[in-house]
Amino acid sequence: MVEGAVQLLATNGLEGTSFSELLELTGAPRGSVYHHFPQGKNQLLSSAVTFAGDRALALLDQWVGATPEEITERFLAIWKTILTRSGFAAGCAIVAVTVSTDSPALLDQTAGVFRSWRARIAELFEQGGAEPRAAARFAATLVAASEGAVVISRAEQSMEPFDLVSEQLIEQVRQLLPAA
């Protein structure tokens, strides 16, 4: 059910992620929703945010030893795949919650997910030879720019904005390492 909620958030946004939609998508019995999420929708959303955040960190953990350029290319490739496979219907579940929630707890949780992604990417960049401050700055740029590019590409139903941002990010990451 949590994976289904992540999928609904990525495609339908917060408003389109209801227990009814979740039950229709997953085929779970109605009683299981109330059993697993007795505190309601925000409990489901919190679980979905945790799941999506952890899943992304697990992917990043597979890239230990990669260069900053490889990490950037792989990160962008994930988003490009999501956009193309979904026909521009899916984006980031974390963004969906961030922009629509009125819950301070959920907003704090999404902020924590973004911080953890930026920190892990920066750490990987440092392991790849980048200076700590440059690694942190570019990690923030990579996350923010790619998320924005996904949103714009979905709105325009075109890969062009994403590709333009990707090209710029690849150029920038090549400047990340100090001259030998």
N, C-alpha and C. Protein backbone atom coordinates (compact mmCIF):
# COMPACT_ATOMS: atom_id res chain seq x y z
N MET A 1 0.82 -1.19 0.00
CA MET A 1 0.00 0.00 0.00
C MET A 1 0.86 1.26 0.00
N VAL A 2 1.98 1.20 0.70
CA VAL A 2 2.86 2.37 0.75
C VAL A 2 3.45 2.64 -0.64
N GLU A 3 3.89 1.59 -1.33
CA GLU A 3 4.39 1.77 -2.70
C GLU A 3 3.30 2.34 -3.59
N GLY A 4 2.10 1.88 -3.43
CA GLY A 4 0.98 2.41 -4.20
C GLY A 4 0.76 3.88 -3.92
N ALA A 5 0.89 4.28 -2.66
CA ALA A 5 0.74 5.68 -2.30
C ALA A 5 1.83 6.53 -2.96
N VAL A 6 3.06 6.01 -2.99
CA VAL A 6 4.15 6.74 -3.66
C VAL A 6 3.80 6.93 -5.14
N GLN A 7 3.32 5.88 -5.76
CA GLN A 7 2.94 5.96 -7.18
C GLN A 7 1.83 6.98 -7.39
N LEU A 8 0.81 6.95 -6.54
CA LEU A 8 -0.28 7.92 -6.67
C LEU A 8 0.21 9.34 -6.46
N LEU A 9 1.06 9.55 -5.47
CA LEU A 9 1.60 10.89 -5.24
C LEU A 9 2.37 11.38 -6.46
N ALA A 10 3.16 10.50 -7.05
CA ALA A 10 3.99 10.89 -8.19
C ALA A 10 3.16 11.21 -9.43
N THR A 11 2.00 10.57 -9.55
CA THR A 11 1.19 10.79 -10.75
C THR A 11 -0.02 11.68 -10.51
N ASN A 12 -0.64 11.58 -9.34
CA ASN A 12 -1.89 12.31 -9.09
C ASN A 12 -1.74 13.47 -8.11
N GLY A 13 -0.57 13.58 -7.49
CA GLY A 13 -0.38 14.62 -6.49
C GLY A 13 -1.06 14.27 -5.18
N LEU A 14 -0.95 15.16 -4.24
CA LEU A 14 -1.50 14.93 -2.91
C LEU A 14 -3.03 14.83 -2.94
N GLU A 15 -3.67 15.72 -3.68
CA GLU A 15 -5.13 15.74 -3.74
C GLU A 15 -5.68 14.46 -4.38
N GLY A 16 -4.95 13.87 -5.31
CA GLY A 16 -5.39 12.67 -6.00
C GLY A 16 -4.95 11.38 -5.32
N THR A 17 -4.43 11.50 -4.12
CA THR A 17 -4.00 10.32 -3.37
C THR A 17 -4.95 10.15 -2.19
N SER A 18 -5.94 9.33 -2.40
CA SER A 18 -6.94 9.07 -1.36
C SER A 18 -6.93 7.58 -1.05
N PHE A 19 -7.57 7.24 0.05
CA PHE A 19 -7.69 5.82 0.38
C PHE A 19 -8.45 5.08 -0.72
N SER A 20 -9.47 5.70 -1.27
CA SER A 20 -10.23 5.05 -2.34
C SER A 20 -9.36 4.78 -3.56
N GLU A 21 -8.58 5.79 -3.96
CA GLU A 21 -7.67 5.62 -5.10
C GLU A 21 -6.64 4.53 -4.80
N LEU A 22 -6.13 4.53 -3.58
CA LEU A 22 -5.13 3.54 -3.18
C LEU A 22 -5.70 2.13 -3.23
N LEU A 23 -6.91 1.97 -2.74
CA LEU A 23 -7.55 0.66 -2.76
C LEU A 23 -7.79 0.20 -4.19
N GLU A 24 -8.19 1.12 -5.04
CA GLU A 24 -8.41 0.77 -6.45
C GLU A 24 -7.11 0.36 -7.12
N LEU A 25 -6.04 1.07 -6.85
CA LEU A 25 -4.74 0.77 -7.45
C LEU A 25 -4.17 -0.55 -6.95
N THR A 26 -4.23 -0.77 -5.65
CA THR A 26 -3.55 -1.92 -5.07
C THR A 26 -4.44 -3.16 -4.93
N GLY A 27 -5.75 -2.97 -4.96
CA GLY A 27 -6.64 -4.10 -4.76
C GLY A 27 -6.70 -4.58 -3.31
N ALA A 28 -6.15 -3.81 -2.41
CA ALA A 28 -6.18 -4.17 -0.98
C ALA A 28 -7.59 -4.01 -0.44
N PRO A 29 -7.95 -4.83 0.54
CA PRO A 29 -9.28 -4.68 1.15
C PRO A 29 -9.35 -3.39 1.99
N ARG A 30 -10.52 -2.79 2.02
CA ARG A 30 -10.70 -1.51 2.71
C ARG A 30 -10.25 -1.58 4.17
N GLY A 31 -10.53 -2.66 4.83
CA GLY A 31 -10.16 -2.79 6.25
C GLY A 31 -8.67 -2.72 6.49
N SER A 32 -7.86 -3.13 5.50
CA SER A 32 -6.41 -3.11 5.69
C SER A 32 -5.86 -1.69 5.78
N VAL A 33 -6.49 -0.76 5.09
CA VAL A 33 -6.05 0.64 5.17
C VAL A 33 -6.21 1.16 6.59
N TYR A 34 -7.37 0.89 7.17
CA TYR A 34 -7.63 1.40 8.51
C TYR A 34 -6.84 0.63 9.57
N HIS A 35 -6.50 -0.60 9.24
CA HIS A 35 -5.68 -1.39 10.16
C HIS A 35 -4.23 -0.87 10.18
N HIS A 36 -3.68 -0.63 9.00
CA HIS A 36 -2.28 -0.20 8.90
C HIS A 36 -2.09 1.29 9.12
N PHE A 37 -3.12 2.07 8.86
CA PHE A 37 -3.01 3.53 8.99
C PHE A 37 -4.17 4.07 9.83
N PRO A 38 -4.23 3.67 11.11
CA PRO A 38 -5.35 4.08 11.96
C PRO A 38 -5.40 5.59 12.22
N GLN A 39 -4.28 6.28 11.99
CA GLN A 39 -4.26 7.72 12.22
C GLN A 39 -4.65 8.50 10.98
N GLY A 40 -4.97 7.80 9.90
CA GLY A 40 -5.51 8.47 8.72
C GLY A 40 -4.51 8.73 7.61
N LYS A 41 -4.92 9.62 6.73
CA LYS A 41 -4.18 9.89 5.50
C LYS A 41 -2.77 10.40 5.77
N ASN A 42 -2.60 11.26 6.75
CA ASN A 42 -1.26 11.79 7.01
C ASN A 42 -0.28 10.69 7.44
N GLN A 43 -0.79 9.68 8.12
CA GLN A 43 0.08 8.55 8.48
C GLN A 43 0.51 7.79 7.22
N LEU A 44 -0.41 7.59 6.29
CA LEU A 44 -0.08 6.97 5.02
C LEU A 44 0.93 7.81 4.26
N LEU A 45 0.70 9.11 4.20
CA LEU A 45 1.62 10.00 3.49
C LEU A 45 3.00 9.99 4.12
N SER A 46 3.05 9.99 5.43
CA SER A 46 4.34 9.94 6.12
C SER A 46 5.09 8.66 5.77
N SER A 47 4.39 7.55 5.74
CA SER A 47 5.01 6.28 5.36
C SER A 47 5.50 6.32 3.92
N ALA A 48 4.72 6.93 3.05
CA ALA A 48 5.10 7.04 1.64
C ALA A 48 6.34 7.93 1.47
N VAL A 49 6.40 9.03 2.20
CA VAL A 49 7.56 9.92 2.13
C VAL A 49 8.80 9.19 2.61
N THR A 50 8.69 8.48 3.71
CA THR A 50 9.82 7.70 4.22
C THR A 50 10.26 6.67 3.19
N PHE A 51 9.32 5.94 2.63
CA PHE A 51 9.64 4.90 1.66
C PHE A 51 10.34 5.49 0.43
N ALA A 52 9.79 6.55 -0.14
CA ALA A 52 10.38 7.16 -1.33
C ALA A 52 11.76 7.73 -1.03
N GLY A 53 11.91 8.37 0.11
CA GLY A 53 13.20 8.92 0.48
C GLY A 53 14.25 7.84 0.67
N ASP A 54 13.89 6.77 1.36
CA ASP A 54 14.82 5.67 1.58
C ASP A 54 15.17 4.94 0.29
N ARG A 55 14.20 4.80 -0.60
CA ARG A 55 14.46 4.13 -1.88
C ARG A 55 15.50 4.92 -2.69
N ALA A 56 15.38 6.23 -2.69
CA ALA A 56 16.35 7.05 -3.41
C ALA A 56 17.73 6.93 -2.77
N LEU A 57 17.80 6.94 -1.45
CA LEU A 57 19.09 6.79 -0.77
C LEU A 57 19.73 5.43 -1.08
N ALA A 58 18.91 4.40 -1.18
CA ALA A 58 19.43 3.07 -1.52
C ALA A 58 20.04 3.07 -2.92
N LEU A 59 19.43 3.78 -3.83
CA LEU A 59 20.01 3.90 -5.18
C LEU A 59 21.34 4.65 -5.13
N LEU A 60 21.35 5.74 -4.38
CA LEU A 60 22.59 6.52 -4.26
C LEU A 60 23.71 5.68 -3.64
N ASP A 61 23.37 4.84 -2.69
CA ASP A 61 24.37 4.00 -2.04
C ASP A 61 25.03 3.02 -3.00
N GLN A 62 24.38 2.72 -4.10
CA GLN A 62 24.96 1.83 -5.10
C GLN A 62 26.04 2.51 -5.93
N TRP A 63 26.15 3.83 -5.79
CA TRP A 63 27.07 4.59 -6.63
C TRP A 63 28.38 4.94 -5.93
N VAL A 64 28.65 4.33 -4.80
CA VAL A 64 29.92 4.57 -4.10
C VAL A 64 31.06 4.25 -5.06
N GLY A 65 32.02 5.16 -5.15
CA GLY A 65 33.18 4.97 -6.02
C GLY A 65 33.02 5.58 -7.40
N ALA A 66 31.82 6.05 -7.73
CA ALA A 66 31.61 6.68 -9.03
C ALA A 66 32.13 8.11 -8.99
N THR A 67 32.44 8.63 -10.16
CA THR A 67 32.88 10.02 -10.26
C THR A 67 31.69 10.95 -10.12
N PRO A 68 31.91 12.21 -9.77
CA PRO A 68 30.80 13.15 -9.71
C PRO A 68 30.02 13.22 -11.04
N GLU A 69 30.72 13.13 -12.15
CA GLU A 69 30.02 13.17 -13.44
C GLU A 69 29.14 11.94 -13.61
N GLU A 70 29.64 10.77 -13.23
CA GLU A 70 28.83 9.55 -13.34
C GLU A 70 27.61 9.60 -12.42
N ILE A 71 27.80 10.12 -11.22
CA ILE A 71 26.70 10.24 -10.27
C ILE A 71 25.63 11.17 -10.84
N THR A 72 26.05 12.28 -11.37
CA THR A 72 25.12 13.24 -11.96
C THR A 72 24.37 12.62 -13.13
N GLU A 73 25.08 11.95 -14.00
CA GLU A 73 24.43 11.30 -15.15
C GLU A 73 23.43 10.26 -14.71
N ARG A 74 23.78 9.47 -13.70
CA ARG A 74 22.88 8.42 -13.20
C ARG A 74 21.64 9.02 -12.54
N PHE A 75 21.85 10.07 -11.75
CA PHE A 75 20.73 10.73 -11.09
C PHE A 75 19.75 11.28 -12.12
N LEU A 76 20.29 11.94 -13.13
CA LEU A 76 19.44 12.49 -14.19
C LEU A 76 18.77 11.38 -15.00
N ALA A 77 19.47 10.29 -15.20
CA ALA A 77 18.90 9.17 -15.97
C ALA A 77 17.68 8.59 -15.27
N ILE A 78 17.70 8.56 -13.96
CA ILE A 78 16.53 8.05 -13.21
C ILE A 78 15.31 8.91 -13.52
N TRP A 79 15.48 10.23 -13.41
CA TRP A 79 14.35 11.12 -13.67
C TRP A 79 13.90 11.07 -15.12
N LYS A 80 14.86 10.96 -16.03
CA LYS A 80 14.49 10.88 -17.45
C LYS A 80 13.68 9.60 -17.71
N THR A 81 14.09 8.51 -17.09
CA THR A 81 13.36 7.26 -17.23
C THR A 81 11.95 7.37 -16.68
N ILE A 82 11.81 7.99 -15.53
CA ILE A 82 10.49 8.18 -14.93
C ILE A 82 9.60 8.99 -15.86
N LEU A 83 10.13 10.06 -16.40
CA LEU A 83 9.35 10.90 -17.31
C LEU A 83 8.94 10.14 -18.57
N THR A 84 9.89 9.45 -19.19
CA THR A 84 9.58 8.79 -20.45
C THR A 84 8.66 7.59 -20.26
N ARG A 85 8.94 6.76 -19.26
CA ARG A 85 8.10 5.58 -19.03
C ARG A 85 6.67 5.95 -18.66
N SER A 86 6.50 7.06 -17.98
CA SER A 86 5.16 7.46 -17.56
C SER A 86 4.46 8.35 -18.59
N GLY A 87 5.14 8.67 -19.68
CA GLY A 87 4.55 9.58 -20.65
C GLY A 87 4.31 10.95 -20.06
N PHE A 88 5.24 11.39 -19.24
CA PHE A 88 5.20 12.69 -18.56
C PHE A 88 4.10 12.77 -17.50
N ALA A 89 3.62 11.62 -17.04
CA ALA A 89 2.56 11.60 -16.04
C ALA A 89 3.09 11.54 -14.62
N ALA A 90 4.35 11.12 -14.43
CA ALA A 90 4.89 10.95 -13.08
C ALA A 90 6.01 11.93 -12.81
N GLY A 91 6.08 12.33 -11.57
CA GLY A 91 7.16 13.19 -11.09
C GLY A 91 7.65 12.67 -9.76
N CYS A 92 7.94 13.56 -8.87
CA CYS A 92 8.50 13.21 -7.57
C CYS A 92 7.42 13.24 -6.49
N ALA A 93 7.25 12.11 -5.81
CA ALA A 93 6.26 12.02 -4.73
C ALA A 93 6.59 13.00 -3.60
N ILE A 94 7.86 13.22 -3.35
CA ILE A 94 8.26 14.13 -2.27
C ILE A 94 7.86 15.57 -2.62
N VAL A 95 8.05 15.95 -3.87
CA VAL A 95 7.62 17.28 -4.32
C VAL A 95 6.11 17.41 -4.19
N ALA A 96 5.38 16.36 -4.58
CA ALA A 96 3.93 16.40 -4.51
C ALA A 96 3.44 16.70 -3.10
N VAL A 97 4.06 16.06 -2.11
CA VAL A 97 3.66 16.31 -0.73
C VAL A 97 4.12 17.71 -0.31
N THR A 98 5.34 18.07 -0.66
CA THR A 98 5.90 19.37 -0.24
C THR A 98 5.04 20.54 -0.68
N VAL A 99 4.62 20.54 -1.93
CA VAL A 99 3.91 21.70 -2.47
C VAL A 99 2.44 21.76 -2.08
N SER A 100 1.89 20.65 -1.56
CA SER A 100 0.45 20.65 -1.30
C SER A 100 0.05 20.41 0.16
N THR A 101 0.96 19.98 0.99
CA THR A 101 0.55 19.66 2.35
C THR A 101 0.32 20.92 3.19
N ASP A 102 -0.61 20.78 4.12
CA ASP A 102 -0.79 21.84 5.11
C ASP A 102 -0.34 21.35 6.49
N SER A 103 0.32 20.19 6.50
CA SER A 103 0.81 19.60 7.74
C SER A 103 2.26 20.01 8.00
N PRO A 104 2.52 20.72 9.07
CA PRO A 104 3.91 21.07 9.40
C PRO A 104 4.79 19.82 9.58
N ALA A 105 4.22 18.75 10.12
CA ALA A 105 5.01 17.53 10.32
C ALA A 105 5.42 16.91 8.99
N LEU A 106 4.49 16.85 8.03
CA LEU A 106 4.83 16.31 6.71
C LEU A 106 5.82 17.21 5.98
N LEU A 107 5.64 18.52 6.10
CA LEU A 107 6.58 19.44 5.46
C LEU A 107 7.97 19.28 6.05
N ASP A 108 8.05 19.13 7.35
CA ASP A 108 9.34 18.90 8.00
C ASP A 108 9.95 17.58 7.52
N GLN A 109 9.11 16.58 7.35
CA GLN A 109 9.59 15.28 6.89
C GLN A 109 10.12 15.37 5.46
N THR A 110 9.42 16.07 4.57
CA THR A 110 9.91 16.18 3.20
C THR A 110 11.21 16.98 3.16
N ALA A 111 11.31 18.00 4.00
CA ALA A 111 12.56 18.76 4.07
C ALA A 111 13.70 17.85 4.48
N GLY A 112 13.43 16.96 5.43
CA GLY A 112 14.46 16.01 5.86
C GLY A 112 14.88 15.07 4.75
N VAL A 113 13.93 14.64 3.91
CA VAL A 113 14.27 13.78 2.78
C VAL A 113 15.18 14.53 1.81
N PHE A 114 14.82 15.75 1.46
CA PHE A 114 15.67 16.51 0.54
C PHE A 114 17.06 16.75 1.14
N ARG A 115 17.11 17.05 2.44
CA ARG A 115 18.42 17.24 3.09
C ARG A 115 19.25 15.96 3.02
N SER A 116 18.60 14.82 3.24
CA SER A 116 19.34 13.55 3.22
C SER A 116 19.85 13.24 1.81
N TRP A 117 19.06 13.54 0.79
CA TRP A 117 19.51 13.32 -0.59
C TRP A 117 20.71 14.22 -0.89
N ARG A 118 20.58 15.50 -0.53
CA ARG A 118 21.69 16.43 -0.80
C ARG A 118 22.95 16.01 -0.07
N ALA A 119 22.80 15.62 1.19
CA ALA A 119 23.97 15.22 1.98
C ALA A 119 24.64 13.98 1.40
N ARG A 120 23.84 13.00 1.00
CA ARG A 120 24.43 11.76 0.45
C ARG A 120 25.10 12.02 -0.88
N ILE A 121 24.49 12.82 -1.73
CA ILE A 121 25.11 13.15 -3.01
C ILE A 121 26.40 13.93 -2.78
N ALA A 122 26.39 14.88 -1.87
CA ALA A 122 27.60 15.65 -1.56
C ALA A 122 28.70 14.73 -1.06
N GLU A 123 28.33 13.80 -0.21
CA GLU A 123 29.32 12.84 0.32
C GLU A 123 29.93 12.02 -0.83
N LEU A 124 29.09 11.57 -1.73
CA LEU A 124 29.59 10.80 -2.89
C LEU A 124 30.50 11.66 -3.77
N PHE A 125 30.12 12.91 -3.95
CA PHE A 125 30.96 13.83 -4.74
C PHE A 125 32.32 14.01 -4.07
N GLU A 126 32.31 14.17 -2.75
CA GLU A 126 33.58 14.31 -2.02
C GLU A 126 34.43 13.07 -2.17
N GLN A 127 33.81 11.90 -2.06
CA GLN A 127 34.54 10.66 -2.25
C GLN A 127 35.13 10.58 -3.65
N GLY A 128 34.48 11.24 -4.59
CA GLY A 128 34.96 11.28 -5.97
C GLY A 128 35.98 12.38 -6.23
N GLY A 129 36.37 13.12 -5.20
CA GLY A 129 37.44 14.10 -5.34
C GLY A 129 37.03 15.55 -5.27
N ALA A 130 35.75 15.85 -5.08
CA ALA A 130 35.30 17.24 -5.02
C ALA A 130 35.58 17.83 -3.63
N GLU A 131 35.84 19.12 -3.61
CA GLU A 131 36.01 19.85 -2.35
C GLU A 131 34.66 19.86 -1.61
N PRO A 132 34.68 19.79 -0.28
CA PRO A 132 33.42 19.70 0.48
C PRO A 132 32.40 20.81 0.16
N ARG A 133 32.82 22.06 0.13
CA ARG A 133 31.86 23.15 -0.12
C ARG A 133 31.31 23.06 -1.54
N ALA A 134 32.16 22.78 -2.50
CA ALA A 134 31.71 22.65 -3.89
C ALA A 134 30.78 21.45 -4.04
N ALA A 135 31.08 20.37 -3.33
CA ALA A 135 30.24 19.17 -3.39
C ALA A 135 28.84 19.47 -2.84
N ALA A 136 28.78 20.17 -1.71
CA ALA A 136 27.48 20.51 -1.11
C ALA A 136 26.69 21.45 -2.01
N ARG A 137 27.36 22.44 -2.57
CA ARG A 137 26.67 23.39 -3.45
C ARG A 137 26.13 22.69 -4.69
N PHE A 138 26.93 21.83 -5.30
CA PHE A 138 26.47 21.18 -6.51
C PHE A 138 25.41 20.13 -6.21
N ALA A 139 25.48 19.47 -5.07
CA ALA A 139 24.44 18.51 -4.70
C ALA A 139 23.09 19.22 -4.60
N ALA A 140 23.07 20.39 -3.97
CA ALA A 140 21.83 21.17 -3.87
C ALA A 140 21.35 21.59 -5.26
N THR A 141 22.28 22.01 -6.09
CA THR A 141 21.93 22.42 -7.45
C THR A 141 21.36 21.25 -8.24
N LEU A 142 21.99 20.09 -8.12
CA LEU A 142 21.53 18.91 -8.86
C LEU A 142 20.11 18.53 -8.45
N VAL A 143 19.84 18.47 -7.16
CA VAL A 143 18.51 18.08 -6.69
C VAL A 143 17.48 19.13 -7.11
N ALA A 144 17.76 20.39 -6.85
CA ALA A 144 16.80 21.44 -7.15
C ALA A 144 16.55 21.58 -8.65
N ALA A 145 17.61 21.57 -9.43
CA ALA A 145 17.46 21.76 -10.87
C ALA A 145 16.76 20.57 -11.52
N SER A 146 17.10 19.37 -11.11
CA SER A 146 16.46 18.20 -11.72
C SER A 146 14.98 18.13 -11.33
N GLU A 147 14.65 18.44 -10.08
CA GLU A 147 13.24 18.45 -9.67
C GLU A 147 12.46 19.50 -10.46
N GLY A 148 13.04 20.68 -10.61
CA GLY A 148 12.38 21.72 -11.40
C GLY A 148 12.23 21.33 -12.86
N ALA A 149 13.25 20.69 -13.41
CA ALA A 149 13.19 20.25 -14.80
C ALA A 149 12.11 19.20 -15.01
N VAL A 150 11.94 18.32 -14.03
CA VAL A 150 10.88 17.31 -14.11
C VAL A 150 9.51 18.01 -14.14
N VAL A 151 9.31 18.98 -13.28
CA VAL A 151 8.04 19.69 -13.21
C VAL A 151 7.75 20.39 -14.54
N ILE A 152 8.74 21.09 -15.07
CA ILE A 152 8.53 21.83 -16.32
C ILE A 152 8.31 20.87 -17.49
N SER A 153 9.05 19.77 -17.54
CA SER A 153 8.85 18.80 -18.62
C SER A 153 7.46 18.18 -18.54
N ARG A 154 6.99 17.91 -17.35
CA ARG A 154 5.62 17.39 -17.21
C ARG A 154 4.62 18.43 -17.70
N ALA A 155 4.81 19.67 -17.32
CA ALA A 155 3.86 20.72 -17.74
C ALA A 155 3.86 20.88 -19.26
N GLU A 156 5.03 20.87 -19.86
CA GLU A 156 5.14 21.07 -21.31
C GLU A 156 4.95 19.78 -22.10
N GLN A 157 4.90 18.64 -21.38
CA GLN A 157 4.80 17.33 -22.04
C GLN A 157 5.90 17.18 -23.09
N SER A 158 7.10 17.56 -22.66
CA SER A 158 8.26 17.55 -23.56
C SER A 158 9.52 17.26 -22.76
N MET A 159 10.43 16.53 -23.36
CA MET A 159 11.70 16.25 -22.72
C MET A 159 12.68 17.41 -22.88
N GLU A 160 12.35 18.37 -23.73
CA GLU A 160 13.29 19.46 -24.01
C GLU A 160 13.76 20.20 -22.76
N PRO A 161 12.87 20.66 -21.85
CA PRO A 161 13.38 21.36 -20.67
C PRO A 161 14.30 20.49 -19.83
N PHE A 162 13.94 19.23 -19.66
CA PHE A 162 14.78 18.34 -18.88
C PHE A 162 16.14 18.16 -19.53
N ASP A 163 16.16 17.96 -20.84
CA ASP A 163 17.43 17.77 -21.54
C ASP A 163 18.31 19.02 -21.47
N LEU A 164 17.71 20.19 -21.57
CA LEU A 164 18.49 21.43 -21.48
C LEU A 164 19.13 21.58 -20.10
N VAL A 165 18.35 21.31 -19.06
CA VAL A 165 18.88 21.39 -17.69
C VAL A 165 19.95 20.32 -17.49
N SER A 166 19.71 19.13 -18.00
CA SER A 166 20.69 18.04 -17.87
C SER A 166 22.02 18.41 -18.51
N GLU A 167 21.96 18.96 -19.71
CA GLU A 167 23.19 19.37 -20.39
C GLU A 167 23.96 20.38 -19.56
N GLN A 168 23.25 21.34 -18.99
CA GLN A 168 23.90 22.37 -18.17
C GLN A 168 24.52 21.75 -16.92
N LEU A 169 23.80 20.84 -16.29
CA LEU A 169 24.33 20.20 -15.08
C LEU A 169 25.56 19.35 -15.38
N ILE A 170 25.56 18.66 -16.49
CA ILE A 170 26.74 17.86 -16.87
C ILE A 170 27.93 18.78 -17.11
N GLU A 171 27.70 19.91 -17.77
CA GLU A 171 28.80 20.88 -17.96
C GLU A 171 29.32 21.37 -16.62
N GLN A 172 28.42 21.67 -15.71
CA GLN A 172 28.82 22.21 -14.40
C GLN A 172 29.57 21.17 -13.57
N VAL A 173 29.12 19.93 -13.59
CA VAL A 173 29.77 18.91 -12.76
C VAL A 173 31.21 18.69 -13.23
N ARG A 174 31.48 18.89 -14.47
CA ARG A 174 32.84 18.71 -14.98
C ARG A 174 33.79 19.76 -14.40
N GLN A 175 33.26 20.85 -13.90
CA GLN A 175 34.06 21.89 -13.27
C GLN A 175 34.23 21.66 -11.77
N LEU A 176 33.59 20.62 -11.26
CA LEU A 176 33.55 20.38 -9.82
C LEU A 176 34.90 19.94 -9.25
N LEU A 177 35.63 19.18 -10.01
CA LEU A 177 36.90 18.66 -9.48
C LEU A 177 38.00 19.70 -9.63
N PRO A 178 38.85 19.81 -8.61
CA PRO A 178 39.94 20.77 -8.69
C PRO A 178 40.92 20.36 -9.81
N ALA A 179 41.55 21.33 -10.39
CA ALA A 179 42.52 21.04 -11.45
C ALA A 179 43.65 20.18 -10.88
N ALA A 180 44.06 19.22 -11.67
CA ALA A 180 45.12 18.29 -11.22
C ALA A 180 46.45 18.98 -11.17
